[in-house]
């Protein structure tokens, strides 16, 4: 499927809307869990894991909707999901690293915003060029073979 010329501008905007929506989901879950007497750190971890899944679904259905796989759909989705989980984990580590380094010289909220911004840029690039790239749905995950069930690894590619 060909993309419209305006999609180069629209995709980053859709990415920001998707990320903002997932962030609101995370904050809502965190608030609900801590209101129910969960300790903050485990509550934040659960909220982050759940909001990451929401973010994947929104990214797949909205941000990169024009890049959905046509052949082998379940395996294509599974491959992209696995690649997304790795990308999200890397972005979370980068976010934390930037925060730790920047916190030495900047206010905590500024350091956190900087970490989030750097991770968002890297996450967008990874999503655009690896996870949701236009060709080879799920190829990143299939390459290693460990992230995808055997059925998907042996699936024939469509002509």
N, C-alpha and C. Protein backbone atom coordinates (compact mmCIF):
# COMPACT_ATOMS: atom_id res chain seq x y z
N UNK A 1 0.84 -1.18 0.00
CA UNK A 1 0.00 0.00 0.00
C UNK A 1 0.88 1.23 0.00
N UNK A 2 0.60 2.15 -0.90
CA UNK A 2 1.35 3.39 -0.96
C UNK A 2 0.83 4.36 0.09
N UNK A 3 1.72 5.13 0.64
CA UNK A 3 1.31 6.11 1.65
C UNK A 3 1.18 7.49 1.02
N UNK A 4 0.30 8.27 1.55
CA UNK A 4 0.11 9.63 1.05
C UNK A 4 1.32 10.48 1.42
N UNK A 5 1.61 11.51 0.61
CA UNK A 5 2.77 12.37 0.90
C UNK A 5 2.71 13.00 2.29
N UNK A 6 1.52 13.30 2.79
CA UNK A 6 1.38 13.96 4.08
C UNK A 6 1.67 13.01 5.23
N UNK A 7 1.82 11.73 4.97
CA UNK A 7 2.01 10.78 6.07
C UNK A 7 3.35 10.99 6.78
N UNK A 8 4.32 11.59 6.10
CA UNK A 8 5.60 11.87 6.77
C UNK A 8 5.43 12.88 7.90
N UNK A 9 4.44 13.71 7.77
CA UNK A 9 4.12 14.68 8.82
C UNK A 9 3.11 14.07 9.79
N UNK A 10 2.13 13.35 9.24
CA UNK A 10 1.05 12.82 10.07
C UNK A 10 1.52 11.70 10.99
N UNK A 11 2.46 10.86 10.55
CA UNK A 11 2.88 9.73 11.38
C UNK A 11 3.46 10.18 12.72
N UNK A 12 4.37 11.17 12.76
CA UNK A 12 4.85 11.63 14.07
C UNK A 12 3.73 12.19 14.96
N UNK A 13 2.74 12.82 14.35
CA UNK A 13 1.60 13.31 15.13
C UNK A 13 0.78 12.15 15.68
N UNK A 14 0.55 11.12 14.85
CA UNK A 14 -0.16 9.93 15.33
C UNK A 14 0.64 9.24 16.43
N UNK A 15 1.98 9.21 16.26
CA UNK A 15 2.86 8.62 17.27
C UNK A 15 2.71 9.36 18.60
N UNK A 16 2.67 10.69 18.55
CA UNK A 16 2.52 11.49 19.78
C UNK A 16 1.16 11.24 20.43
N UNK A 17 0.10 11.15 19.63
CA UNK A 17 -1.23 10.87 20.18
C UNK A 17 -1.28 9.48 20.81
N UNK A 18 -0.69 8.52 20.13
CA UNK A 18 -0.66 7.15 20.65
C UNK A 18 0.12 7.09 21.96
N UNK A 19 1.31 7.69 21.98
CA UNK A 19 2.12 7.69 23.20
C UNK A 19 1.44 8.43 24.34
N UNK A 20 0.81 9.55 24.02
CA UNK A 20 0.08 10.29 25.05
C UNK A 20 -1.09 9.50 25.62
N UNK A 21 -1.79 8.79 24.75
CA UNK A 21 -2.90 7.95 25.20
C UNK A 21 -2.40 6.83 26.10
N UNK A 22 -1.30 6.18 25.70
CA UNK A 22 -0.74 5.11 26.52
C UNK A 22 -0.24 5.65 27.85
N UNK A 23 0.32 6.85 27.85
CA UNK A 23 0.78 7.46 29.11
C UNK A 23 -0.39 7.71 30.05
N UNK A 24 -1.52 8.16 29.50
CA UNK A 24 -2.70 8.38 30.33
C UNK A 24 -3.22 7.05 30.90
N UNK A 25 -3.16 6.00 30.09
CA UNK A 25 -3.55 4.67 30.58
C UNK A 25 -2.64 4.26 31.73
N UNK A 26 -1.33 4.46 31.55
CA UNK A 26 -0.38 4.11 32.59
C UNK A 26 -0.66 4.87 33.89
N UNK A 27 -0.86 6.16 33.77
CA UNK A 27 -1.13 6.96 34.97
C UNK A 27 -2.44 6.54 35.64
N UNK A 28 -3.45 6.22 34.83
CA UNK A 28 -4.72 5.77 35.39
C UNK A 28 -4.59 4.45 36.14
N UNK A 29 -3.85 3.51 35.55
CA UNK A 29 -3.64 2.22 36.22
C UNK A 29 -2.82 2.42 37.49
N UNK A 30 -1.77 3.23 37.41
CA UNK A 30 -0.94 3.50 38.57
C UNK A 30 -1.79 4.10 39.69
N UNK A 31 -2.61 5.06 39.36
CA UNK A 31 -3.46 5.70 40.35
C UNK A 31 -4.44 4.70 40.97
N UNK A 32 -5.05 3.88 40.13
CA UNK A 32 -6.01 2.88 40.62
C UNK A 32 -5.34 1.86 41.54
N UNK A 33 -4.17 1.40 41.15
CA UNK A 33 -3.48 0.39 41.97
C UNK A 33 -3.01 0.97 43.30
N UNK A 34 -2.44 2.18 43.26
CA UNK A 34 -1.98 2.78 44.53
C UNK A 34 -3.16 3.16 45.42
N UNK A 35 -4.30 3.51 44.82
CA UNK A 35 -5.51 3.76 45.62
C UNK A 35 -5.97 2.48 46.32
N UNK A 36 -5.64 1.33 45.74
CA UNK A 36 -5.99 0.05 46.34
C UNK A 36 -4.84 -0.53 47.16
N UNK A 37 -4.00 0.36 47.65
CA UNK A 37 -2.92 0.04 48.60
C UNK A 37 -1.77 -0.79 48.02
N UNK A 38 -1.58 -0.74 46.70
CA UNK A 38 -0.40 -1.36 46.12
C UNK A 38 0.80 -0.48 46.43
N UNK A 39 1.97 -1.05 46.68
CA UNK A 39 3.18 -0.22 46.81
C UNK A 39 3.47 0.46 45.47
N UNK A 40 3.99 1.68 45.48
CA UNK A 40 4.17 2.44 44.25
C UNK A 40 5.05 1.77 43.18
N UNK A 41 6.14 1.16 43.57
CA UNK A 41 7.04 0.59 42.55
C UNK A 41 6.39 -0.60 41.82
N UNK A 42 5.86 -1.61 42.53
CA UNK A 42 5.18 -2.68 41.78
C UNK A 42 3.97 -2.17 40.98
N UNK A 43 3.26 -1.19 41.53
CA UNK A 43 2.13 -0.62 40.81
C UNK A 43 2.59 0.05 39.51
N UNK A 44 3.70 0.76 39.57
CA UNK A 44 4.24 1.42 38.38
C UNK A 44 4.70 0.40 37.35
N UNK A 45 5.33 -0.68 37.79
CA UNK A 45 5.79 -1.72 36.88
C UNK A 45 4.59 -2.34 36.15
N UNK A 46 3.54 -2.70 36.89
CA UNK A 46 2.34 -3.28 36.28
C UNK A 46 1.70 -2.28 35.32
N UNK A 47 1.61 -1.03 35.73
CA UNK A 47 1.02 -0.01 34.87
C UNK A 47 1.83 0.17 33.59
N UNK A 48 3.15 0.14 33.71
CA UNK A 48 4.01 0.28 32.54
C UNK A 48 3.84 -0.91 31.60
N UNK A 49 3.82 -2.11 32.13
CA UNK A 49 3.66 -3.31 31.28
C UNK A 49 2.32 -3.27 30.55
N UNK A 50 1.25 -2.94 31.26
CA UNK A 50 -0.07 -2.91 30.63
C UNK A 50 -0.18 -1.77 29.61
N UNK A 51 0.36 -0.61 29.94
CA UNK A 51 0.27 0.51 28.99
C UNK A 51 1.14 0.27 27.76
N UNK A 52 2.21 -0.51 27.91
CA UNK A 52 3.03 -0.87 26.76
C UNK A 52 2.22 -1.72 25.77
N UNK A 53 1.37 -2.59 26.29
CA UNK A 53 0.54 -3.41 25.41
C UNK A 53 -0.51 -2.54 24.71
N UNK A 54 -1.06 -1.58 25.43
CA UNK A 54 -2.01 -0.63 24.82
C UNK A 54 -1.29 0.17 23.74
N UNK A 55 -0.06 0.59 24.04
CA UNK A 55 0.71 1.36 23.07
C UNK A 55 0.99 0.55 21.82
N UNK A 56 1.32 -0.74 21.98
CA UNK A 56 1.54 -1.59 20.80
C UNK A 56 0.26 -1.65 19.96
N UNK A 57 -0.87 -1.92 20.59
CA UNK A 57 -2.13 -2.05 19.85
C UNK A 57 -2.45 -0.76 19.11
N UNK A 58 -2.30 0.38 19.77
CA UNK A 58 -2.58 1.66 19.11
C UNK A 58 -1.58 1.94 18.00
N UNK A 59 -0.32 1.59 18.22
CA UNK A 59 0.70 1.79 17.19
C UNK A 59 0.39 0.94 15.96
N UNK A 60 0.03 -0.30 16.20
CA UNK A 60 -0.28 -1.23 15.11
C UNK A 60 -1.54 -0.79 14.35
N UNK A 61 -2.57 -0.41 15.09
CA UNK A 61 -3.85 -0.09 14.47
C UNK A 61 -3.95 1.34 13.95
N UNK A 62 -3.15 2.27 14.50
CA UNK A 62 -3.32 3.68 14.17
C UNK A 62 -2.04 4.32 13.61
N UNK A 63 -0.97 4.30 14.37
CA UNK A 63 0.24 5.02 13.95
C UNK A 63 0.82 4.45 12.67
N UNK A 64 0.97 3.13 12.61
CA UNK A 64 1.53 2.46 11.44
C UNK A 64 0.47 1.59 10.76
N UNK A 65 -0.75 2.07 10.69
CA UNK A 65 -1.86 1.29 10.15
C UNK A 65 -1.65 0.89 8.69
N UNK A 66 -0.90 1.68 7.95
CA UNK A 66 -0.66 1.38 6.55
C UNK A 66 0.42 0.32 6.34
N UNK A 67 1.01 -0.16 7.41
CA UNK A 67 2.10 -1.15 7.30
C UNK A 67 1.74 -2.49 7.92
N UNK A 68 0.48 -2.78 8.04
CA UNK A 68 0.07 -4.07 8.60
C UNK A 68 0.39 -5.18 7.61
N UNK A 69 0.80 -6.34 8.12
CA UNK A 69 1.10 -7.46 7.21
C UNK A 69 -0.20 -8.01 6.61
N UNK A 70 -0.09 -8.50 5.37
CA UNK A 70 -1.25 -9.08 4.72
C UNK A 70 -1.21 -10.60 4.79
N UNK A 71 -0.07 -11.20 4.50
CA UNK A 71 0.06 -12.65 4.52
C UNK A 71 0.56 -13.09 5.89
N UNK A 72 0.07 -14.23 6.37
CA UNK A 72 0.53 -14.75 7.65
C UNK A 72 0.21 -13.82 8.79
N UNK A 73 -0.97 -13.26 8.77
CA UNK A 73 -1.34 -12.20 9.72
C UNK A 73 -1.03 -12.54 11.18
N UNK A 74 -1.45 -13.67 11.73
CA UNK A 74 -1.14 -13.91 13.15
C UNK A 74 0.37 -13.92 13.42
N UNK A 75 1.13 -14.53 12.54
CA UNK A 75 2.58 -14.55 12.76
C UNK A 75 3.20 -13.18 12.55
N UNK A 76 2.66 -12.42 11.61
CA UNK A 76 3.17 -11.07 11.39
C UNK A 76 2.92 -10.18 12.60
N UNK A 77 1.74 -10.30 13.17
CA UNK A 77 1.41 -9.51 14.36
C UNK A 77 2.28 -9.96 15.53
N UNK A 78 2.43 -11.27 15.70
CA UNK A 78 3.26 -11.79 16.79
C UNK A 78 4.71 -11.34 16.64
N UNK A 79 5.22 -11.37 15.44
CA UNK A 79 6.59 -10.91 15.21
C UNK A 79 6.77 -9.45 15.53
N UNK A 80 5.80 -8.65 15.12
CA UNK A 80 5.88 -7.22 15.43
C UNK A 80 5.70 -6.96 16.92
N UNK A 81 4.83 -7.73 17.54
CA UNK A 81 4.64 -7.59 18.99
C UNK A 81 5.95 -7.88 19.73
N UNK A 82 6.62 -8.97 19.36
CA UNK A 82 7.89 -9.35 20.01
C UNK A 82 8.95 -8.27 19.77
N UNK A 83 9.04 -7.78 18.54
CA UNK A 83 10.01 -6.73 18.24
C UNK A 83 9.69 -5.46 19.02
N UNK A 84 8.41 -5.15 19.16
CA UNK A 84 7.98 -3.96 19.90
C UNK A 84 8.37 -4.07 21.37
N UNK A 85 8.21 -5.25 21.95
CA UNK A 85 8.56 -5.44 23.36
C UNK A 85 10.05 -5.16 23.58
N UNK A 86 10.89 -5.65 22.66
CA UNK A 86 12.32 -5.37 22.76
C UNK A 86 12.63 -3.89 22.59
N UNK A 87 11.97 -3.27 21.64
CA UNK A 87 12.16 -1.84 21.40
C UNK A 87 11.72 -1.02 22.62
N UNK A 88 10.58 -1.38 23.19
CA UNK A 88 10.07 -0.66 24.36
C UNK A 88 10.99 -0.84 25.56
N UNK A 89 11.53 -2.05 25.73
CA UNK A 89 12.46 -2.29 26.84
C UNK A 89 13.73 -1.46 26.66
N UNK A 90 14.24 -1.41 25.44
CA UNK A 90 15.43 -0.60 25.17
C UNK A 90 15.17 0.88 25.41
N UNK A 91 14.00 1.35 24.97
CA UNK A 91 13.64 2.76 25.19
C UNK A 91 13.50 3.07 26.67
N UNK A 92 12.95 2.13 27.44
CA UNK A 92 12.81 2.34 28.89
C UNK A 92 14.18 2.43 29.55
N UNK A 93 15.11 1.57 29.14
CA UNK A 93 16.47 1.63 29.69
C UNK A 93 17.16 2.94 29.31
N UNK A 94 16.99 3.36 28.07
CA UNK A 94 17.58 4.63 27.62
C UNK A 94 16.99 5.79 28.41
N UNK A 95 15.68 5.79 28.58
CA UNK A 95 15.00 6.82 29.35
C UNK A 95 15.59 6.91 30.75
N UNK A 96 15.74 5.77 31.39
CA UNK A 96 16.29 5.73 32.76
C UNK A 96 17.74 6.22 32.78
N UNK A 97 18.54 5.78 31.80
CA UNK A 97 19.94 6.21 31.74
C UNK A 97 20.09 7.70 31.57
N UNK A 98 19.31 8.27 30.66
CA UNK A 98 19.36 9.72 30.46
C UNK A 98 18.93 10.43 31.73
N UNK A 99 17.88 9.94 32.38
CA UNK A 99 17.40 10.54 33.63
C UNK A 99 18.50 10.53 34.69
N UNK A 100 19.16 9.39 34.86
CA UNK A 100 20.21 9.27 35.89
C UNK A 100 21.35 10.25 35.62
N UNK A 101 21.79 10.33 34.37
CA UNK A 101 22.90 11.23 34.01
C UNK A 101 22.47 12.69 34.13
N UNK A 102 21.30 13.01 33.58
CA UNK A 102 20.85 14.40 33.59
C UNK A 102 20.48 14.89 34.98
N UNK A 103 20.05 13.99 35.84
CA UNK A 103 19.64 14.35 37.21
C UNK A 103 20.77 14.99 38.01
N UNK A 104 22.00 14.70 37.64
CA UNK A 104 23.15 15.28 38.34
C UNK A 104 23.20 16.80 38.18
N UNK A 105 22.71 17.32 37.04
CA UNK A 105 22.80 18.75 36.77
C UNK A 105 21.45 19.46 36.60
N UNK A 106 20.37 18.70 36.43
CA UNK A 106 19.07 19.30 36.15
C UNK A 106 18.05 18.94 37.22
N UNK A 107 17.01 19.74 37.29
CA UNK A 107 15.90 19.43 38.18
C UNK A 107 15.31 18.08 37.78
N UNK A 108 14.78 17.35 38.76
CA UNK A 108 14.26 16.01 38.54
C UNK A 108 13.24 15.95 37.40
N UNK A 109 12.30 16.88 37.35
CA UNK A 109 11.28 16.85 36.30
C UNK A 109 11.86 17.15 34.92
N UNK A 110 12.82 18.05 34.86
CA UNK A 110 13.48 18.36 33.59
C UNK A 110 14.29 17.14 33.12
N UNK A 111 14.99 16.50 34.04
CA UNK A 111 15.75 15.30 33.69
C UNK A 111 14.83 14.19 33.21
N UNK A 112 13.68 14.05 33.85
CA UNK A 112 12.71 13.04 33.44
C UNK A 112 12.15 13.35 32.06
N UNK A 113 11.81 14.61 31.82
CA UNK A 113 11.28 15.02 30.51
C UNK A 113 12.33 14.80 29.42
N UNK A 114 13.59 15.08 29.72
CA UNK A 114 14.66 14.87 28.76
C UNK A 114 14.80 13.38 28.43
N UNK A 115 14.77 12.54 29.45
CA UNK A 115 14.84 11.10 29.23
C UNK A 115 13.69 10.60 28.39
N UNK A 116 12.49 11.10 28.67
CA UNK A 116 11.31 10.72 27.90
C UNK A 116 11.42 11.18 26.45
N UNK A 117 11.90 12.39 26.24
CA UNK A 117 12.03 12.92 24.88
C UNK A 117 13.05 12.13 24.06
N UNK A 118 14.21 11.84 24.66
CA UNK A 118 15.23 11.07 23.95
C UNK A 118 14.72 9.67 23.63
N UNK A 119 14.08 9.04 24.60
CA UNK A 119 13.54 7.69 24.38
C UNK A 119 12.43 7.71 23.34
N UNK A 120 11.61 8.75 23.31
CA UNK A 120 10.53 8.85 22.32
C UNK A 120 11.09 8.94 20.91
N UNK A 121 12.13 9.73 20.72
CA UNK A 121 12.74 9.85 19.39
C UNK A 121 13.30 8.50 18.95
N UNK A 122 14.04 7.85 19.84
CA UNK A 122 14.61 6.53 19.51
C UNK A 122 13.49 5.52 19.26
N UNK A 123 12.44 5.57 20.07
CA UNK A 123 11.32 4.65 19.91
C UNK A 123 10.61 4.87 18.57
N UNK A 124 10.47 6.12 18.15
CA UNK A 124 9.85 6.40 16.86
C UNK A 124 10.70 5.84 15.72
N UNK A 125 12.00 6.08 15.78
CA UNK A 125 12.90 5.60 14.73
C UNK A 125 12.88 4.06 14.69
N UNK A 126 12.94 3.43 15.85
CA UNK A 126 12.89 1.96 15.90
C UNK A 126 11.56 1.45 15.36
N UNK A 127 10.48 2.09 15.73
CA UNK A 127 9.17 1.68 15.24
C UNK A 127 9.07 1.84 13.73
N UNK A 128 9.55 2.95 13.22
CA UNK A 128 9.44 3.25 11.80
C UNK A 128 10.34 2.37 10.94
N UNK A 129 11.55 2.07 11.43
CA UNK A 129 12.53 1.36 10.61
C UNK A 129 12.70 -0.11 10.94
N UNK A 130 12.26 -0.54 12.12
CA UNK A 130 12.44 -1.94 12.51
C UNK A 130 11.12 -2.66 12.78
N UNK A 131 10.38 -2.17 13.75
CA UNK A 131 9.19 -2.88 14.22
C UNK A 131 8.07 -2.83 13.18
N UNK A 132 7.78 -1.65 12.66
CA UNK A 132 6.66 -1.48 11.74
C UNK A 132 7.13 -1.08 10.34
N UNK A 133 8.28 -1.54 9.94
CA UNK A 133 8.77 -1.15 8.63
C UNK A 133 7.82 -1.67 7.55
N UNK A 134 7.89 -1.01 6.40
CA UNK A 134 6.91 -1.26 5.34
C UNK A 134 6.97 -2.68 4.80
N UNK A 135 8.13 -3.28 4.69
CA UNK A 135 8.21 -4.64 4.15
C UNK A 135 8.76 -5.58 5.20
N UNK A 136 8.39 -6.84 5.11
CA UNK A 136 8.93 -7.85 6.02
C UNK A 136 8.31 -7.81 7.38
N UNK A 137 7.01 -7.91 7.46
CA UNK A 137 6.30 -7.88 8.73
C UNK A 137 6.87 -8.90 9.70
N UNK A 138 7.31 -8.42 10.82
CA UNK A 138 7.82 -9.32 11.86
C UNK A 138 9.19 -9.90 11.58
N UNK A 139 9.88 -9.40 10.56
CA UNK A 139 11.17 -9.98 10.18
C UNK A 139 12.19 -9.88 11.31
N UNK A 140 12.13 -8.80 12.09
CA UNK A 140 13.08 -8.64 13.19
C UNK A 140 12.97 -9.80 14.16
N UNK A 141 11.75 -10.13 14.55
CA UNK A 141 11.55 -11.22 15.50
C UNK A 141 11.84 -12.57 14.87
N UNK A 142 11.48 -12.76 13.58
CA UNK A 142 11.74 -14.05 12.94
C UNK A 142 13.21 -14.31 12.78
N UNK A 143 14.02 -13.26 12.65
CA UNK A 143 15.44 -13.44 12.44
C UNK A 143 16.06 -14.24 13.58
N UNK A 144 15.69 -13.93 14.81
CA UNK A 144 16.27 -14.65 15.94
C UNK A 144 15.61 -16.00 16.13
N UNK A 145 14.34 -16.11 15.78
CA UNK A 145 13.63 -17.37 15.91
C UNK A 145 13.18 -17.67 17.32
N UNK A 146 13.78 -17.07 18.32
CA UNK A 146 13.44 -17.38 19.70
C UNK A 146 12.13 -16.74 20.13
N UNK A 147 11.76 -15.65 19.49
CA UNK A 147 10.59 -14.90 19.92
C UNK A 147 9.28 -15.37 19.27
N UNK A 148 9.38 -16.24 18.28
CA UNK A 148 8.21 -16.62 17.52
C UNK A 148 8.02 -18.13 17.57
N UNK A 149 6.78 -18.59 17.73
CA UNK A 149 6.56 -20.03 17.75
C UNK A 149 7.05 -20.70 16.46
N UNK A 150 7.32 -21.98 16.56
CA UNK A 150 7.85 -22.74 15.43
C UNK A 150 6.93 -22.63 14.21
N UNK A 151 5.64 -22.65 14.43
CA UNK A 151 4.68 -22.53 13.34
C UNK A 151 4.97 -21.30 12.50
N UNK A 152 5.28 -20.19 13.12
CA UNK A 152 5.54 -18.95 12.39
C UNK A 152 6.89 -18.99 11.68
N UNK A 153 7.88 -19.62 12.28
CA UNK A 153 9.21 -19.69 11.65
C UNK A 153 9.15 -20.50 10.37
N UNK A 154 8.29 -21.52 10.32
CA UNK A 154 8.22 -22.39 9.17
C UNK A 154 7.18 -21.96 8.14
N UNK A 155 6.49 -20.89 8.43
CA UNK A 155 5.43 -20.44 7.53
C UNK A 155 6.03 -19.93 6.23
N UNK A 156 5.38 -20.29 5.12
CA UNK A 156 5.84 -19.84 3.81
C UNK A 156 5.50 -18.37 3.63
N UNK A 157 6.36 -17.68 2.95
CA UNK A 157 6.09 -16.27 2.63
C UNK A 157 5.18 -16.20 1.42
N UNK A 158 4.32 -15.20 1.42
CA UNK A 158 3.45 -14.97 0.28
C UNK A 158 4.26 -14.44 -0.89
N UNK A 159 3.89 -14.81 -2.12
CA UNK A 159 4.65 -14.34 -3.30
C UNK A 159 4.60 -12.84 -3.47
